[in-house]
Amino acid sequence: MLARLALPLLLGLAACAIPTPVEVGLGLTLGPVEIPAGAAHRVFQGGRPVGGASILDPYCELEIATVSEQPQQIDGVRAQITRVSQALLKDPITRIPVLLAGWTCSDPVFRETIWRLAPERPSPVLWLRCLAPYFNCRIGAPLTPAQIQTVVGPTIQIGASAPTGVR
């Protein structure tokens, strides 16, 4: 039992010692992105927007502040990443952390990264949440900006700094 808890505990403690991620200050250019009716997020996988993600492959969710009965269009939003949070999850849907739920090698784990976004102008855009699944006792690093770019595709452009002046 102690060995079962030791690895997640060590990983959790190691995560606390990680300095501010290099993603803080990166810029994103979004859109156009259509948020489906009845939802507050759009899922991206394999370089394109999708109706739902397979948890077997990396995926990202662009979250906005509102839910509407009609589809919502997000056009030409530029934002800067202001904060990055990371977690090691047992379940990507309920966001149950590995440290609370326990973990064995037969369980998948999910490395979650959330980029908090500050749009240049008023926008409902809040954050980009990305998940990397790991299996068979393999736990890796969070997705890099280049890997996230591959997941979201051309709809979201990740740059070295926040662009200025939306046109």
N, C-alpha and C. Protein backbone atom coordinates (compact mmCIF):
# COMPACT_ATOMS: atom_id res chain seq x y z
N MET A 1 0.82 -1.19 0.00
CA MET A 1 0.00 0.00 0.00
C MET A 1 0.87 1.25 0.00
N LEU A 2 1.94 1.24 0.79
CA LEU A 2 2.83 2.39 0.85
C LEU A 2 3.48 2.65 -0.51
N ALA A 3 3.90 1.59 -1.17
CA ALA A 3 4.52 1.74 -2.49
C ALA A 3 3.53 2.30 -3.50
N ARG A 4 2.26 1.94 -3.36
CA ARG A 4 1.22 2.41 -4.27
C ARG A 4 1.04 3.93 -4.15
N LEU A 5 1.26 4.48 -2.97
CA LEU A 5 1.09 5.92 -2.76
C LEU A 5 2.39 6.69 -2.93
N ALA A 6 3.53 6.03 -2.86
CA ALA A 6 4.81 6.72 -2.88
C ALA A 6 5.07 7.45 -4.19
N LEU A 7 4.87 6.81 -5.33
CA LEU A 7 5.16 7.45 -6.61
C LEU A 7 4.28 8.67 -6.85
N PRO A 8 2.96 8.58 -6.69
CA PRO A 8 2.15 9.79 -6.88
C PRO A 8 2.52 10.91 -5.90
N LEU A 9 2.86 10.55 -4.67
CA LEU A 9 3.24 11.56 -3.69
C LEU A 9 4.53 12.25 -4.11
N LEU A 10 5.52 11.49 -4.54
CA LEU A 10 6.77 12.08 -5.01
C LEU A 10 6.56 12.96 -6.23
N LEU A 11 5.72 12.51 -7.16
CA LEU A 11 5.42 13.30 -8.34
C LEU A 11 4.72 14.60 -7.96
N GLY A 12 3.81 14.52 -7.01
CA GLY A 12 3.10 15.71 -6.56
C GLY A 12 4.03 16.70 -5.90
N LEU A 13 4.94 16.21 -5.06
CA LEU A 13 5.90 17.10 -4.41
C LEU A 13 6.87 17.70 -5.41
N ALA A 14 7.27 16.93 -6.38
CA ALA A 14 8.18 17.44 -7.41
C ALA A 14 7.50 18.54 -8.23
N ALA A 15 6.21 18.38 -8.48
CA ALA A 15 5.47 19.38 -9.26
C ALA A 15 5.41 20.71 -8.52
N CYS A 16 5.41 20.69 -7.19
CA CYS A 16 5.38 21.93 -6.41
C CYS A 16 6.67 22.72 -6.56
N ALA A 17 7.77 22.06 -6.90
CA ALA A 17 9.05 22.73 -6.99
C ALA A 17 9.33 23.28 -8.39
N ILE A 18 8.41 23.08 -9.32
CA ILE A 18 8.62 23.54 -10.69
C ILE A 18 8.47 25.06 -10.75
N PRO A 19 9.43 25.77 -11.36
CA PRO A 19 9.32 27.22 -11.47
C PRO A 19 8.21 27.61 -12.45
N THR A 20 7.95 28.90 -12.55
CA THR A 20 6.92 29.40 -13.45
C THR A 20 7.18 28.86 -14.85
N PRO A 21 6.19 28.24 -15.48
CA PRO A 21 6.38 27.68 -16.82
C PRO A 21 6.72 28.77 -17.84
N VAL A 22 7.47 28.38 -18.85
CA VAL A 22 7.87 29.32 -19.89
C VAL A 22 6.69 29.79 -20.73
N GLU A 23 5.55 29.12 -20.62
CA GLU A 23 4.38 29.50 -21.41
C GLU A 23 3.81 30.86 -21.00
N VAL A 24 4.04 31.27 -19.74
CA VAL A 24 3.52 32.56 -19.29
C VAL A 24 4.12 33.64 -20.17
N GLY A 25 3.27 34.46 -20.76
CA GLY A 25 3.71 35.52 -21.65
C GLY A 25 3.57 35.16 -23.12
N LEU A 26 3.41 33.88 -23.43
CA LEU A 26 3.15 33.51 -24.82
C LEU A 26 1.82 34.10 -25.26
N GLY A 27 1.68 34.30 -26.55
CA GLY A 27 0.43 34.82 -27.09
C GLY A 27 -0.31 33.79 -27.92
N LEU A 28 -1.61 33.92 -27.95
CA LEU A 28 -2.46 33.07 -28.78
C LEU A 28 -3.33 33.96 -29.66
N THR A 29 -3.54 33.52 -30.87
CA THR A 29 -4.51 34.16 -31.75
C THR A 29 -5.57 33.11 -32.03
N LEU A 30 -6.80 33.39 -31.66
CA LEU A 30 -7.90 32.44 -31.77
C LEU A 30 -8.86 32.84 -32.86
N GLY A 31 -9.37 31.83 -33.52
CA GLY A 31 -10.56 32.06 -34.31
C GLY A 31 -10.36 32.09 -35.79
N PRO A 32 -11.51 32.06 -36.41
CA PRO A 32 -12.82 31.95 -35.77
C PRO A 32 -13.04 30.56 -35.18
N VAL A 33 -13.71 30.54 -34.03
CA VAL A 33 -14.03 29.30 -33.33
C VAL A 33 -15.52 29.30 -33.03
N GLU A 34 -16.19 28.22 -33.38
CA GLU A 34 -17.60 28.10 -33.04
C GLU A 34 -17.74 27.21 -31.80
N ILE A 35 -18.40 27.76 -30.79
CA ILE A 35 -18.69 27.00 -29.57
C ILE A 35 -20.08 26.39 -29.77
N PRO A 36 -20.22 25.08 -29.64
CA PRO A 36 -21.51 24.43 -29.88
C PRO A 36 -22.60 24.92 -28.92
N ALA A 37 -23.84 24.84 -29.38
CA ALA A 37 -25.00 25.20 -28.55
C ALA A 37 -25.00 24.35 -27.28
N GLY A 38 -25.34 24.96 -26.15
CA GLY A 38 -25.43 24.24 -24.89
C GLY A 38 -24.10 23.93 -24.25
N ALA A 39 -23.01 24.53 -24.74
CA ALA A 39 -21.67 24.26 -24.21
C ALA A 39 -20.93 25.57 -23.94
N ALA A 40 -19.90 25.47 -23.12
CA ALA A 40 -19.03 26.62 -22.85
C ALA A 40 -17.60 26.31 -23.29
N HIS A 41 -17.42 25.27 -24.09
CA HIS A 41 -16.07 24.97 -24.57
C HIS A 41 -16.12 24.30 -25.94
N ARG A 42 -14.97 24.37 -26.59
CA ARG A 42 -14.77 23.69 -27.87
C ARG A 42 -13.61 22.73 -27.70
N VAL A 43 -13.77 21.51 -28.16
CA VAL A 43 -12.74 20.48 -28.04
C VAL A 43 -11.93 20.42 -29.34
N PHE A 44 -10.61 20.28 -29.18
CA PHE A 44 -9.70 20.13 -30.31
C PHE A 44 -8.90 18.85 -30.14
N GLN A 45 -8.75 18.12 -31.24
CA GLN A 45 -7.95 16.90 -31.22
C GLN A 45 -7.49 16.63 -32.64
N GLY A 46 -6.25 16.20 -32.78
CA GLY A 46 -5.74 15.88 -34.11
C GLY A 46 -5.66 17.06 -35.04
N GLY A 47 -5.50 18.27 -34.50
CA GLY A 47 -5.34 19.45 -35.33
C GLY A 47 -6.61 20.11 -35.81
N ARG A 48 -7.75 19.74 -35.21
CA ARG A 48 -9.02 20.34 -35.66
C ARG A 48 -10.06 20.32 -34.54
N PRO A 49 -11.08 21.17 -34.66
CA PRO A 49 -12.19 21.11 -33.70
C PRO A 49 -12.97 19.81 -33.90
N VAL A 50 -13.37 19.18 -32.80
CA VAL A 50 -14.13 17.93 -32.86
C VAL A 50 -15.33 18.01 -31.94
N GLY A 51 -16.30 17.13 -32.16
CA GLY A 51 -17.50 17.08 -31.33
C GLY A 51 -17.23 16.52 -29.94
N GLY A 52 -16.26 15.64 -29.84
CA GLY A 52 -15.89 15.03 -28.56
C GLY A 52 -14.51 14.41 -28.72
N ALA A 53 -13.80 14.28 -27.62
CA ALA A 53 -12.43 13.79 -27.68
C ALA A 53 -12.34 12.34 -27.22
N SER A 54 -11.42 11.63 -27.80
CA SER A 54 -11.02 10.32 -27.31
C SER A 54 -9.96 10.55 -26.24
N ILE A 55 -10.14 9.98 -25.06
CA ILE A 55 -9.15 10.18 -24.01
C ILE A 55 -7.88 9.36 -24.23
N LEU A 56 -7.82 8.63 -25.33
CA LEU A 56 -6.63 7.84 -25.65
C LEU A 56 -5.53 8.67 -26.30
N ASP A 57 -5.89 9.87 -26.77
CA ASP A 57 -4.95 10.76 -27.45
C ASP A 57 -5.02 12.15 -26.81
N PRO A 58 -3.94 12.94 -26.93
CA PRO A 58 -3.97 14.29 -26.38
C PRO A 58 -5.12 15.11 -26.99
N TYR A 59 -5.71 15.97 -26.15
CA TYR A 59 -6.77 16.87 -26.63
C TYR A 59 -6.77 18.14 -25.80
N CYS A 60 -7.40 19.18 -26.34
CA CYS A 60 -7.50 20.47 -25.66
C CYS A 60 -8.94 20.95 -25.70
N GLU A 61 -9.29 21.80 -24.74
CA GLU A 61 -10.60 22.43 -24.66
C GLU A 61 -10.42 23.92 -24.47
N LEU A 62 -11.01 24.71 -25.37
CA LEU A 62 -11.02 26.15 -25.23
C LEU A 62 -12.29 26.51 -24.47
N GLU A 63 -12.14 27.14 -23.31
CA GLU A 63 -13.27 27.44 -22.42
C GLU A 63 -13.64 28.92 -22.52
N ILE A 64 -14.97 29.17 -22.57
CA ILE A 64 -15.47 30.54 -22.55
C ILE A 64 -16.37 30.72 -21.33
N ALA A 65 -16.81 31.94 -21.09
CA ALA A 65 -17.55 32.27 -19.87
C ALA A 65 -19.04 32.00 -19.95
N THR A 66 -19.57 31.76 -21.13
CA THR A 66 -21.03 31.67 -21.27
C THR A 66 -21.48 30.39 -21.97
N VAL A 67 -22.67 29.97 -21.61
CA VAL A 67 -23.35 28.86 -22.29
C VAL A 67 -24.57 29.48 -22.96
N SER A 68 -24.85 29.08 -24.18
CA SER A 68 -25.99 29.61 -24.91
C SER A 68 -26.76 28.48 -25.56
N GLU A 69 -28.04 28.70 -25.77
CA GLU A 69 -28.85 27.72 -26.49
C GLU A 69 -28.52 27.70 -27.98
N GLN A 70 -27.85 28.75 -28.44
CA GLN A 70 -27.42 28.86 -29.84
C GLN A 70 -25.90 28.72 -29.91
N PRO A 71 -25.37 28.25 -31.04
CA PRO A 71 -23.90 28.23 -31.19
C PRO A 71 -23.35 29.65 -31.04
N GLN A 72 -22.14 29.75 -30.47
CA GLN A 72 -21.50 31.05 -30.28
C GLN A 72 -20.25 31.13 -31.16
N GLN A 73 -20.07 32.24 -31.81
CA GLN A 73 -18.91 32.45 -32.68
C GLN A 73 -17.90 33.34 -31.98
N ILE A 74 -16.66 32.88 -31.87
CA ILE A 74 -15.57 33.67 -31.31
C ILE A 74 -14.67 34.04 -32.49
N ASP A 75 -14.55 35.34 -32.76
CA ASP A 75 -13.79 35.81 -33.92
C ASP A 75 -12.59 36.64 -33.52
N GLY A 76 -11.45 36.35 -34.12
CA GLY A 76 -10.27 37.19 -34.05
C GLY A 76 -9.83 37.63 -32.67
N VAL A 77 -9.82 36.74 -31.69
CA VAL A 77 -9.40 37.10 -30.34
C VAL A 77 -7.90 36.84 -30.20
N ARG A 78 -7.22 37.82 -29.66
CA ARG A 78 -5.81 37.67 -29.33
C ARG A 78 -5.70 37.73 -27.82
N ALA A 79 -4.90 36.84 -27.27
CA ALA A 79 -4.79 36.75 -25.81
C ALA A 79 -3.37 36.39 -25.40
N GLN A 80 -3.06 36.72 -24.17
CA GLN A 80 -1.77 36.38 -23.60
C GLN A 80 -1.99 35.37 -22.49
N ILE A 81 -1.07 34.41 -22.37
CA ILE A 81 -1.11 33.43 -21.28
C ILE A 81 -0.57 34.12 -20.04
N THR A 82 -1.42 34.22 -19.01
CA THR A 82 -1.02 34.94 -17.80
C THR A 82 -0.70 34.01 -16.64
N ARG A 83 -1.19 32.78 -16.70
CA ARG A 83 -0.94 31.83 -15.61
C ARG A 83 -1.06 30.43 -16.16
N VAL A 84 -0.24 29.54 -15.65
CA VAL A 84 -0.28 28.14 -16.07
C VAL A 84 -0.44 27.28 -14.82
N SER A 85 -1.40 26.36 -14.86
CA SER A 85 -1.52 25.39 -13.77
C SER A 85 -1.43 23.99 -14.36
N GLN A 86 -0.92 23.07 -13.56
CA GLN A 86 -0.73 21.70 -14.01
C GLN A 86 -1.19 20.75 -12.93
N ALA A 87 -1.69 19.60 -13.35
CA ALA A 87 -2.12 18.57 -12.40
C ALA A 87 -1.95 17.21 -13.04
N LEU A 88 -1.83 16.20 -12.20
CA LEU A 88 -1.80 14.81 -12.63
C LEU A 88 -3.12 14.21 -12.18
N LEU A 89 -3.97 13.84 -13.14
CA LEU A 89 -5.33 13.44 -12.85
C LEU A 89 -5.55 11.95 -13.08
N LYS A 90 -6.44 11.39 -12.27
CA LYS A 90 -6.88 10.01 -12.48
C LYS A 90 -8.00 9.99 -13.52
N ASP A 91 -8.82 11.05 -13.52
CA ASP A 91 -9.96 11.13 -14.43
C ASP A 91 -10.02 12.55 -15.00
N PRO A 92 -9.93 12.69 -16.34
CA PRO A 92 -9.91 14.03 -16.92
C PRO A 92 -11.28 14.72 -16.89
N ILE A 93 -12.34 13.97 -16.72
CA ILE A 93 -13.68 14.57 -16.73
C ILE A 93 -14.03 15.14 -15.36
N THR A 94 -13.86 14.33 -14.31
CA THR A 94 -14.16 14.80 -12.95
C THR A 94 -13.00 15.56 -12.34
N ARG A 95 -11.81 15.48 -12.95
CA ARG A 95 -10.58 16.14 -12.50
C ARG A 95 -10.12 15.63 -11.14
N ILE A 96 -10.36 14.36 -10.86
CA ILE A 96 -9.89 13.76 -9.61
C ILE A 96 -8.38 13.58 -9.69
N PRO A 97 -7.64 14.17 -8.74
CA PRO A 97 -6.18 14.04 -8.76
C PRO A 97 -5.72 12.62 -8.40
N VAL A 98 -4.60 12.22 -8.98
CA VAL A 98 -4.02 10.92 -8.68
C VAL A 98 -3.71 10.80 -7.19
N LEU A 99 -3.24 11.88 -6.58
CA LEU A 99 -2.86 11.84 -5.16
C LEU A 99 -4.05 11.50 -4.26
N LEU A 100 -5.25 11.87 -4.64
CA LEU A 100 -6.43 11.57 -3.82
C LEU A 100 -7.03 10.20 -4.13
N ALA A 101 -6.96 9.79 -5.37
CA ALA A 101 -7.65 8.57 -5.80
C ALA A 101 -6.78 7.33 -5.74
N GLY A 102 -5.48 7.49 -5.66
CA GLY A 102 -4.60 6.34 -5.73
C GLY A 102 -4.37 5.95 -7.19
N TRP A 103 -3.37 5.09 -7.40
CA TRP A 103 -2.99 4.78 -8.76
C TRP A 103 -2.23 3.48 -8.80
N THR A 104 -2.49 2.69 -9.82
CA THR A 104 -1.72 1.48 -10.11
C THR A 104 -1.28 1.54 -11.56
N CYS A 105 -0.38 0.68 -11.95
CA CYS A 105 0.13 0.70 -13.32
C CYS A 105 -0.93 0.35 -14.37
N SER A 106 -2.01 -0.26 -13.95
CA SER A 106 -3.05 -0.57 -14.92
C SER A 106 -3.99 0.62 -15.15
N ASP A 107 -3.83 1.68 -14.36
CA ASP A 107 -4.68 2.88 -14.50
C ASP A 107 -4.03 3.89 -15.45
N PRO A 108 -4.81 4.47 -16.34
CA PRO A 108 -4.27 5.60 -17.10
C PRO A 108 -4.17 6.82 -16.18
N VAL A 109 -3.26 7.71 -16.49
CA VAL A 109 -3.17 9.00 -15.80
C VAL A 109 -3.15 10.08 -16.87
N PHE A 110 -3.56 11.27 -16.48
CA PHE A 110 -3.69 12.37 -17.44
C PHE A 110 -2.96 13.59 -16.90
N ARG A 111 -2.02 14.09 -17.68
CA ARG A 111 -1.29 15.30 -17.33
C ARG A 111 -2.08 16.48 -17.89
N GLU A 112 -2.62 17.29 -16.98
CA GLU A 112 -3.45 18.43 -17.37
C GLU A 112 -2.63 19.72 -17.30
N THR A 113 -2.78 20.54 -18.30
CA THR A 113 -2.20 21.88 -18.31
C THR A 113 -3.32 22.85 -18.63
N ILE A 114 -3.44 23.90 -17.83
CA ILE A 114 -4.43 24.95 -18.09
C ILE A 114 -3.69 26.26 -18.28
N TRP A 115 -3.89 26.87 -19.46
CA TRP A 115 -3.35 28.19 -19.74
C TRP A 115 -4.46 29.20 -19.51
N ARG A 116 -4.34 30.04 -18.49
CA ARG A 116 -5.29 31.14 -18.26
C ARG A 116 -4.98 32.24 -19.26
N LEU A 117 -6.03 32.75 -19.91
CA LEU A 117 -5.84 33.70 -21.00
C LEU A 117 -6.38 35.08 -20.64
N ALA A 118 -5.66 36.10 -21.05
CA ALA A 118 -6.10 37.49 -20.90
C ALA A 118 -6.25 38.08 -22.30
N PRO A 119 -7.48 38.15 -22.81
CA PRO A 119 -7.69 38.72 -24.15
C PRO A 119 -7.34 40.20 -24.19
N GLU A 120 -6.90 40.68 -25.36
CA GLU A 120 -6.56 42.09 -25.53
C GLU A 120 -7.78 42.99 -25.46
N ARG A 121 -8.93 42.46 -25.83
CA ARG A 121 -10.18 43.24 -25.79
C ARG A 121 -11.24 42.38 -25.15
N PRO A 122 -12.36 42.95 -24.74
CA PRO A 122 -13.40 42.14 -24.08
C PRO A 122 -13.77 40.91 -24.91
N SER A 123 -13.77 39.78 -24.24
CA SER A 123 -14.04 38.50 -24.88
C SER A 123 -14.47 37.51 -23.81
N PRO A 124 -15.31 36.54 -24.17
CA PRO A 124 -15.69 35.52 -23.20
C PRO A 124 -14.64 34.43 -23.00
N VAL A 125 -13.51 34.49 -23.72
CA VAL A 125 -12.48 33.46 -23.66
C VAL A 125 -11.81 33.48 -22.28
N LEU A 126 -11.71 32.29 -21.64
CA LEU A 126 -11.13 32.17 -20.31
C LEU A 126 -9.80 31.42 -20.29
N TRP A 127 -9.79 30.20 -20.83
CA TRP A 127 -8.57 29.39 -20.76
C TRP A 127 -8.57 28.32 -21.83
N LEU A 128 -7.36 27.73 -22.00
CA LEU A 128 -7.16 26.57 -22.85
C LEU A 128 -6.65 25.46 -21.95
N ARG A 129 -7.40 24.37 -21.90
CA ARG A 129 -7.07 23.21 -21.06
C ARG A 129 -6.64 22.07 -21.98
N CYS A 130 -5.46 21.52 -21.72
CA CYS A 130 -4.96 20.42 -22.55
C CYS A 130 -4.59 19.23 -21.69
N LEU A 131 -4.86 18.04 -22.22
CA LEU A 131 -4.60 16.81 -21.48
C LEU A 131 -3.77 15.85 -22.32
N ALA A 132 -2.78 15.26 -21.66
CA ALA A 132 -1.94 14.23 -22.28
C ALA A 132 -2.14 12.94 -21.50
N PRO A 133 -2.65 11.89 -22.15
CA PRO A 133 -2.83 10.62 -21.44
C PRO A 133 -1.54 9.81 -21.40
N TYR A 134 -1.37 9.09 -20.29
CA TYR A 134 -0.23 8.18 -20.14
C TYR A 134 -0.74 6.85 -19.62
N PHE A 135 -0.11 5.77 -20.09
CA PHE A 135 -0.56 4.42 -19.79
C PHE A 135 0.59 3.53 -19.34
N ASN A 136 0.27 2.42 -18.67
CA ASN A 136 1.23 1.38 -18.30
C ASN A 136 2.41 1.90 -17.48
N CYS A 137 2.11 2.64 -16.43
CA CYS A 137 3.13 3.18 -15.51
C CYS A 137 4.05 4.21 -16.14
N ARG A 138 3.70 4.72 -17.28
CA ARG A 138 4.51 5.77 -17.89
C ARG A 138 3.84 7.11 -17.60
N ILE A 139 4.60 8.01 -17.01
CA ILE A 139 4.10 9.35 -16.74
C ILE A 139 5.09 10.32 -17.34
N GLY A 140 4.61 11.16 -18.22
CA GLY A 140 5.50 12.10 -18.89
C GLY A 140 5.19 13.54 -18.53
N ALA A 141 5.86 14.39 -19.22
CA ALA A 141 5.73 15.83 -19.02
C ALA A 141 4.42 16.34 -19.61
N PRO A 142 4.03 17.55 -19.20
CA PRO A 142 2.86 18.16 -19.84
C PRO A 142 3.16 18.42 -21.32
N LEU A 143 2.14 18.64 -22.09
CA LEU A 143 2.32 18.97 -23.50
C LEU A 143 3.09 20.28 -23.63
N THR A 144 4.00 20.33 -24.56
CA THR A 144 4.76 21.56 -24.84
C THR A 144 3.90 22.47 -25.71
N PRO A 145 4.26 23.74 -25.82
CA PRO A 145 3.52 24.61 -26.74
C PRO A 145 3.48 24.06 -28.17
N ALA A 146 4.56 23.47 -28.65
CA ALA A 146 4.57 22.89 -30.00
C ALA A 146 3.60 21.72 -30.10
N GLN A 147 3.55 20.87 -29.07
CA GLN A 147 2.61 19.75 -29.08
C GLN A 147 1.16 20.25 -29.02
N ILE A 148 0.92 21.28 -28.21
CA ILE A 148 -0.42 21.85 -28.14
C ILE A 148 -0.81 22.42 -29.49
N GLN A 149 0.12 23.08 -30.18
CA GLN A 149 -0.17 23.62 -31.52
C GLN A 149 -0.61 22.50 -32.46
N THR A 150 0.03 21.34 -32.36
CA THR A 150 -0.35 20.18 -33.19
C THR A 150 -1.75 19.70 -32.84
N VAL A 151 -2.12 19.72 -31.57
CA VAL A 151 -3.45 19.27 -31.13
C VAL A 151 -4.53 20.22 -31.62
N VAL A 152 -4.32 21.55 -31.48
CA VAL A 152 -5.37 22.51 -31.81
C VAL A 152 -5.39 22.86 -33.29
N GLY A 153 -4.28 22.69 -33.99
CA GLY A 153 -4.25 22.99 -35.41
C GLY A 153 -4.25 24.48 -35.70
N PRO A 154 -4.58 24.85 -36.94
CA PRO A 154 -4.47 26.24 -37.36
C PRO A 154 -5.53 27.18 -36.78
N THR A 155 -6.55 26.66 -36.14
CA THR A 155 -7.59 27.51 -35.56
C THR A 155 -7.04 28.39 -34.44
N ILE A 156 -6.04 27.89 -33.72
CA ILE A 156 -5.39 28.64 -32.64
C ILE A 156 -3.91 28.70 -32.96
N GLN A 157 -3.37 29.90 -33.07
CA GLN A 157 -1.95 30.08 -33.34
C GLN A 157 -1.24 30.49 -32.06
N ILE A 158 -0.19 29.77 -31.72
CA ILE A 158 0.59 30.04 -30.52
C ILE A 158 1.86 30.76 -30.95
N GLY A 159 2.12 31.93 -30.32
CA GLY A 159 3.28 32.72 -30.71
C GLY A 159 4.18 33.03 -29.54
N ALA A 160 5.33 33.67 -29.85
CA ALA A 160 6.33 33.98 -28.83
C ALA A 160 5.85 35.03 -27.84
N SER A 161 4.99 35.92 -28.27
CA SER A 161 4.44 36.93 -27.36
C SER A 161 3.07 37.32 -27.86
N ALA A 162 2.32 37.98 -27.02
CA ALA A 162 0.96 38.37 -27.40
C ALA A 162 1.02 39.37 -28.55
N PRO A 163 0.30 39.09 -29.64
CA PRO A 163 0.26 40.05 -30.74
C PRO A 163 -0.47 41.31 -30.30
N THR A 164 -0.23 42.40 -31.00
CA THR A 164 -0.91 43.64 -30.68
C THR A 164 -1.82 44.05 -31.83
N GLY A 165 -2.89 44.76 -31.48
CA GLY A 165 -3.78 45.33 -32.49
C GLY A 165 -4.58 44.31 -33.24
N VAL A 166 -5.80 44.04 -32.82
CA VAL A 166 -6.69 43.11 -33.52
C VAL A 166 -7.26 43.82 -34.75
N ARG A 167 -7.23 43.16 -35.87
CA ARG A 167 -7.81 43.74 -37.10
C ARG A 167 -8.91 42.85 -37.60
